[in-house]
């Protein structure tokens, strides 16, 4: 996907969760960050394991700060027993 398309979408959204897409042709339909092939659960797993936002952005050139924010906002909507919510809780625990 072209960077210009991603930037336009980022500028157009009013809720960061609008940057999360679910397409059966991408990651088997698992939630992913718009314009990337990076899954929400994968991203949260990396963050929960201690990788910083800055490291993620440096290591994955298609990732952008708003995409990380979108994944965190998306995960916050899940029941606490869901694996995505548990990863978010682990990440938040590291930041305290």
Protein backbone atom coordinates (compact mmCIF):
# COMPACT_ATOMS: atom_id res chain seq x y z
CA UNK A 1 0.00 0.00 0.00
CA UNK A 2 1.27 3.45 -0.82
CA UNK A 3 2.43 5.62 2.05
CA UNK A 4 0.26 8.46 0.75
CA UNK A 5 -2.85 6.28 1.09
CA UNK A 6 -1.96 5.40 4.66
CA UNK A 7 -1.29 9.05 5.56
CA UNK A 8 -4.62 10.09 4.03
CA UNK A 9 -6.47 7.42 6.00
CA UNK A 10 -4.72 8.40 9.24
CA UNK A 11 -5.69 12.03 8.68
CA UNK A 12 -9.31 11.12 7.90
CA UNK A 13 -10.17 8.93 10.89
CA UNK A 14 -11.88 10.31 13.96
CA UNK A 15 -11.40 7.18 16.07
CA UNK A 16 -8.02 5.40 16.05
CA UNK A 17 -9.80 2.03 15.99
CA UNK A 18 -10.82 2.86 12.41
CA UNK A 19 -7.22 2.02 11.48
CA UNK A 20 -7.80 -1.62 12.40
CA UNK A 21 -8.93 -3.80 9.52
CA UNK A 22 -10.18 -7.35 9.30
CA UNK A 23 -9.95 -8.92 5.87
CA UNK A 24 -10.11 -12.68 5.30
CA UNK A 25 -7.34 -12.30 2.69
CA UNK A 26 -5.00 -10.71 5.24
CA UNK A 27 -3.69 -12.72 8.20
CA UNK A 28 -6.64 -15.08 7.95
CA UNK A 29 -9.03 -12.31 8.94
CA UNK A 30 -7.28 -11.45 12.19
CA UNK A 31 -7.30 -7.75 13.14
CA UNK A 32 -4.41 -5.88 11.52
CA UNK A 33 -3.15 -2.33 11.28
CA UNK A 34 -4.30 -0.55 8.12
CA UNK A 35 -1.63 -0.44 5.41
CA UNK A 36 0.50 -3.15 7.03
CA UNK A 37 0.59 -6.90 7.39
CA UNK A 38 1.05 -6.51 11.13
CA UNK A 39 -1.56 -8.09 13.35
CA UNK A 40 -2.91 -6.43 16.48
CA UNK A 41 -2.23 -9.49 18.63
CA UNK A 42 1.31 -9.83 17.26
CA UNK A 43 2.01 -6.16 17.98
CA UNK A 44 0.65 -6.40 21.52
CA UNK A 45 2.70 -9.54 22.11
CA UNK A 46 5.86 -7.65 21.14
CA UNK A 47 4.98 -4.69 23.37
CA UNK A 48 4.05 -6.98 26.29
CA UNK A 49 7.43 -8.70 25.88
CA UNK A 50 9.14 -5.36 26.48
CA UNK A 51 9.78 -4.04 23.00
CA UNK A 52 9.32 -0.26 22.99
CA UNK A 53 7.24 1.75 20.56
CA UNK A 54 10.44 3.31 19.25
CA UNK A 55 11.99 -0.12 18.61
CA UNK A 56 8.84 -1.29 16.85
CA UNK A 57 8.77 1.77 14.62
CA UNK A 58 12.46 1.36 13.78
CA UNK A 59 12.21 -2.38 13.10
CA UNK A 60 9.01 -2.32 11.02
CA UNK A 61 9.06 0.45 8.40
CA UNK A 62 5.39 0.05 7.47
CA UNK A 63 4.32 0.65 11.08
CA UNK A 64 3.37 4.16 12.15
CA UNK A 65 2.66 5.69 15.61
CA UNK A 66 -1.07 6.02 14.99
CA UNK A 67 -1.19 2.32 14.10
CA UNK A 68 0.21 1.43 17.51
CA UNK A 69 -2.34 3.75 19.14
CA UNK A 70 -5.08 2.10 17.10
CA UNK A 71 -4.04 -1.38 18.22
CA UNK A 72 -4.03 -0.29 21.87
CA UNK A 73 -7.47 1.35 21.55
CA UNK A 74 -8.85 -1.71 19.74
CA UNK A 75 -7.53 -4.06 22.43
CA UNK A 76 -9.12 -1.99 25.18
CA UNK A 77 -12.56 -2.97 23.87
CA UNK A 78 -12.09 -6.67 24.60
CA UNK A 79 -13.26 -8.58 27.65
CA UNK A 80 -10.44 -9.02 30.17
CA UNK A 81 -10.32 -12.77 29.51
CA UNK A 82 -9.59 -12.40 25.79
CA UNK A 83 -5.97 -12.97 24.77
CA UNK A 84 -5.72 -9.51 23.23
CA UNK A 85 -6.93 -7.86 26.45
CA UNK A 86 -4.47 -9.92 28.51
CA UNK A 87 -1.57 -8.77 26.29
CA UNK A 88 -2.71 -5.17 26.71
CA UNK A 89 -2.76 -5.62 30.50
CA UNK A 90 0.78 -7.06 30.41
CA UNK A 91 1.97 -4.11 28.33
CA UNK A 92 0.35 -1.62 30.67
CA UNK A 93 1.94 -3.41 33.63
CA UNK A 94 5.39 -2.95 32.10
CA UNK A 95 4.82 0.78 31.71
CA UNK A 96 3.95 1.37 35.40
